[in-house]
Amino acid sequence: MTTFGTAEDAERAVLRVRHVHESVVGTTPDSVAYRASDPHLLAWVHAAEAYCFLKAHQRYGQYPLDPAGQDGYVADMARVARRPGVERPPESRAELMVCLAGYRAELRSTPESRATARYLLASPALPKIALLPYAFLAAAAVELLPPWARISLEPPLTTRLLLPTARGGGRTLTAAIRWATPDLPREEALPASPSR
């Protein structure tokens, strides 16, 4: 909605996300209070999402972006991020990398985060025919992570076994998905940013 929807649809989606964030509050097992609407946490989620989407596109997209296109993507994502409360989102790839590095000292693997990752990577409730493609996509997603994050994730055995073939499997699956879905003309597939 925030990318391709109307301005009104995008605003409704943002308000819905803000409403959900306001209700997510709690305390971690080690007694640290948190709230999903905390601008610092929102900025981390935004930066991690923008980094992973950009890296996935660069590796598996049909038309990888040049440096100016990468900066444009990060700038477009920054416009979207401000709506739910990210105060100073990065606006270039270089700023994005600095932002992510700034969070490194705060990040840690917890039993809860590892359990969530294992659940998501272990093909949750999928039909049997989708299990192998999902396993390759999961391995491709893990392979995109920086090595330090990959190690702390402790992925399931299937994911670890598929990691050496993750790039090839990811390329094959994304090519199959592109083949199976209608193709847009190049101009529509990569719309120019209104801010550029």
Protein backbone atom coordinates (compact mmCIF):
# COMPACT_ATOMS: atom_id res chain seq x y z
CA MET A 1 0.00 0.00 0.00
CA THR A 2 2.74 2.46 0.88
CA THR A 3 4.56 1.80 -2.40
CA PHE A 4 1.85 1.28 -5.02
CA GLY A 5 -1.39 2.32 -3.31
CA THR A 6 -3.09 5.70 -3.43
CA ALA A 7 -2.04 8.31 -0.87
CA GLU A 8 -5.27 7.66 1.04
CA ASP A 9 -4.71 3.87 1.07
CA ALA A 10 -1.12 4.36 2.20
CA GLU A 11 -2.20 6.65 5.01
CA ARG A 12 -4.82 4.14 6.19
CA ALA A 13 -2.19 1.38 6.19
CA VAL A 14 0.22 3.55 8.19
CA LEU A 15 -2.47 4.42 10.74
CA ARG A 16 -3.28 0.72 11.12
CA VAL A 17 0.40 -0.07 11.75
CA ARG A 18 0.68 2.79 14.27
CA HIS A 19 -2.40 1.50 16.10
CA VAL A 20 -0.92 -2.02 16.31
CA HIS A 21 2.43 -0.64 17.48
CA GLU A 22 0.78 1.31 20.29
CA SER A 23 -0.64 -1.90 21.74
CA VAL A 24 2.66 -3.85 21.64
CA VAL A 25 4.36 -3.19 24.97
CA GLY A 26 6.03 -5.44 27.48
CA THR A 27 9.14 -6.50 29.31
CA THR A 28 11.80 -8.86 28.02
CA PRO A 29 12.74 -11.95 30.07
CA ASP A 30 15.75 -9.99 31.36
CA SER A 31 13.46 -7.16 32.61
CA VAL A 32 13.99 -4.58 29.86
CA ALA A 33 10.82 -2.63 29.06
CA TYR A 34 9.95 -2.17 25.39
CA ARG A 35 7.26 -0.67 23.19
CA ALA A 36 6.89 -1.21 19.46
CA SER A 37 6.28 2.50 18.89
CA ASP A 38 9.71 3.44 20.31
CA PRO A 39 11.36 5.54 17.53
CA HIS A 40 14.74 3.89 18.20
CA LEU A 41 13.28 0.40 17.69
CA LEU A 42 11.28 1.54 14.66
CA ALA A 43 14.48 2.91 13.13
CA TRP A 44 16.23 -0.44 13.64
CA VAL A 45 13.40 -2.38 12.03
CA HIS A 46 13.30 0.06 9.12
CA ALA A 47 17.06 -0.05 8.53
CA ALA A 48 17.23 -3.85 8.75
CA GLU A 49 14.28 -4.19 6.38
CA ALA A 50 15.64 -1.70 3.85
CA TYR A 51 19.07 -3.38 3.92
CA CYS A 52 17.68 -6.90 3.46
CA PHE A 53 15.23 -5.94 0.70
CA LEU A 54 17.96 -4.04 -1.17
CA LYS A 55 20.48 -6.85 -0.80
CA ALA A 56 17.91 -9.44 -1.94
CA HIS A 57 17.02 -7.32 -4.96
CA GLN A 58 20.66 -6.85 -5.87
CA ARG A 59 21.32 -10.57 -5.68
CA TYR A 60 18.06 -12.01 -7.04
CA GLY A 61 16.32 -9.21 -8.90
CA GLN A 62 16.15 -9.19 -12.66
CA TYR A 63 17.46 -5.62 -12.86
CA PRO A 64 20.01 -4.86 -10.10
CA LEU A 65 20.27 -1.17 -9.25
CA ASP A 66 23.29 1.00 -9.96
CA PRO A 67 24.67 3.10 -7.05
CA ALA A 68 22.30 6.00 -7.81
CA GLY A 69 19.36 3.59 -7.97
CA GLN A 70 20.35 2.08 -4.61
CA ASP A 71 20.48 5.54 -3.05
CA GLY A 72 17.10 6.34 -4.62
CA TYR A 73 15.59 3.17 -3.16
CA VAL A 74 16.89 4.01 0.34
CA ALA A 75 15.57 7.59 0.00
CA ASP A 76 12.14 6.27 -1.10
CA MET A 77 12.09 3.89 1.87
CA ALA A 78 12.94 6.81 4.17
CA ARG A 79 9.80 8.66 3.04
CA VAL A 80 7.70 5.62 3.92
CA ALA A 81 9.52 5.10 7.25
CA ARG A 82 8.75 8.60 8.53
CA ARG A 83 5.01 7.94 8.46
CA PRO A 84 4.89 5.40 11.30
CA GLY A 85 7.44 7.32 13.40
CA VAL A 86 11.04 6.76 12.27
CA GLU A 87 12.56 10.14 13.05
CA ARG A 88 15.74 10.31 10.92
CA PRO A 89 15.82 7.37 8.53
CA PRO A 90 18.90 6.97 6.32
CA GLU A 91 18.52 8.48 2.86
CA SER A 92 21.42 6.82 0.99
CA ARG A 93 23.06 3.42 0.97
CA ALA A 94 26.09 4.84 2.80
CA GLU A 95 23.84 6.31 5.52
CA LEU A 96 22.01 2.99 5.76
CA MET A 97 25.26 1.11 6.40
CA VAL A 98 26.29 3.65 9.08
CA CYS A 99 22.86 3.35 10.72
CA LEU A 100 23.06 -0.46 10.84
CA ALA A 101 26.60 -0.38 12.24
CA GLY A 102 25.36 1.94 14.99
CA TYR A 103 23.00 -0.76 16.26
CA ARG A 104 25.54 -3.61 16.25
CA ALA A 105 26.56 -3.18 19.91
CA GLU A 106 22.92 -3.41 21.03
CA LEU A 107 22.05 -6.58 19.13
CA ARG A 108 22.06 -9.98 20.75
CA SER A 109 20.62 -13.38 20.11
CA THR A 110 18.01 -14.53 22.61
CA PRO A 111 16.27 -17.87 23.06
CA GLU A 112 13.04 -16.20 21.89
CA SER A 113 14.56 -14.74 18.72
CA ARG A 114 16.24 -18.05 17.86
CA ALA A 115 12.98 -19.96 18.42
CA THR A 116 11.11 -17.53 16.16
CA ALA A 117 13.73 -17.85 13.43
CA ARG A 118 13.69 -21.64 13.64
CA TYR A 119 9.89 -21.65 13.34
CA LEU A 120 9.93 -19.36 10.29
CA LEU A 121 12.79 -21.22 8.61
CA ALA A 122 11.32 -24.69 9.18
CA SER A 123 8.54 -24.39 6.57
CA PRO A 124 5.62 -23.68 8.92
CA ALA A 125 2.31 -25.33 7.93
CA LEU A 126 3.02 -25.55 4.21
CA PRO A 127 1.73 -28.19 1.80
CA LYS A 128 4.31 -30.89 1.07
CA ILE A 129 4.82 -29.67 -2.51
CA ALA A 130 6.02 -26.29 -1.20
CA LEU A 131 8.48 -27.60 1.41
CA LEU A 132 11.58 -27.89 -0.79
CA PRO A 133 11.16 -24.52 -2.55
CA TYR A 134 10.47 -22.88 0.82
CA ALA A 135 13.59 -24.52 2.30
CA PHE A 136 15.71 -23.05 -0.52
CA LEU A 137 14.15 -19.60 -0.09
CA ALA A 138 14.75 -19.79 3.67
CA ALA A 139 18.39 -20.73 3.10
CA ALA A 140 18.74 -17.90 0.56
CA ALA A 141 17.32 -15.44 3.11
CA VAL A 142 19.74 -16.61 5.80
CA GLU A 143 22.64 -16.45 3.35
CA LEU A 144 21.90 -12.75 2.80
CA LEU A 145 22.61 -11.98 6.46
CA PRO A 146 26.01 -10.73 7.59
CA PRO A 147 28.11 -13.67 8.87
CA TRP A 148 27.90 -12.51 12.52
CA ALA A 149 24.08 -12.48 12.34
CA ARG A 150 23.95 -15.83 10.54
CA ILE A 151 26.03 -17.51 13.25
CA SER A 152 23.96 -16.11 16.14
CA LEU A 153 20.72 -17.16 14.42
CA GLU A 154 21.37 -20.88 14.87
CA PRO A 155 19.23 -21.90 11.86
CA PRO A 156 17.70 -25.38 11.66
CA LEU A 157 19.76 -28.24 10.22
CA THR A 158 17.96 -28.18 6.85
CA THR A 159 18.81 -24.50 6.40
CA ARG A 160 22.44 -25.05 7.39
CA LEU A 161 22.75 -27.97 4.94
CA LEU A 162 21.30 -25.88 2.10
CA LEU A 163 23.47 -22.79 2.73
CA PRO A 164 26.21 -23.86 0.26
CA THR A 165 23.56 -24.04 -2.49
CA ALA A 166 21.48 -21.08 -1.28
CA ARG A 167 22.51 -18.59 -3.97
CA GLY A 168 21.94 -21.00 -6.83
CA GLY A 169 18.67 -22.22 -5.34
CA GLY A 170 17.52 -18.66 -4.68
CA ARG A 171 18.34 -17.60 -8.24
CA THR A 172 16.52 -20.61 -9.67
CA LEU A 173 13.42 -20.05 -7.54
CA THR A 174 13.20 -16.31 -8.16
CA ALA A 175 13.63 -16.94 -11.90
CA ALA A 176 10.79 -19.50 -11.72
CA ILE A 177 8.59 -17.03 -9.85
CA ARG A 178 9.31 -14.36 -12.48
CA TRP A 179 8.50 -16.87 -15.23
CA ALA A 180 5.20 -17.83 -13.56
CA THR A 181 4.00 -14.26 -12.97
CA PRO A 182 2.95 -11.73 -15.60
CA ASP A 183 5.77 -9.48 -16.72
CA LEU A 184 5.39 -5.71 -16.51
CA PRO A 185 7.06 -3.45 -19.05
CA ARG A 186 10.46 -2.29 -17.74
CA GLU A 187 9.19 1.27 -17.19
CA GLU A 188 6.33 0.06 -14.98
CA ALA A 189 8.41 -2.55 -13.19
CA LEU A 190 10.86 0.09 -11.95
CA PRO A 191 8.89 3.32 -11.50
CA ALA A 192 10.86 6.51 -11.15
CA SER A 193 10.80 8.00 -7.69
CA PRO A 194 8.80 11.23 -7.42
CA SER A 195 11.64 12.60 -5.27
CA ARG A 196 14.25 12.19 -8.02
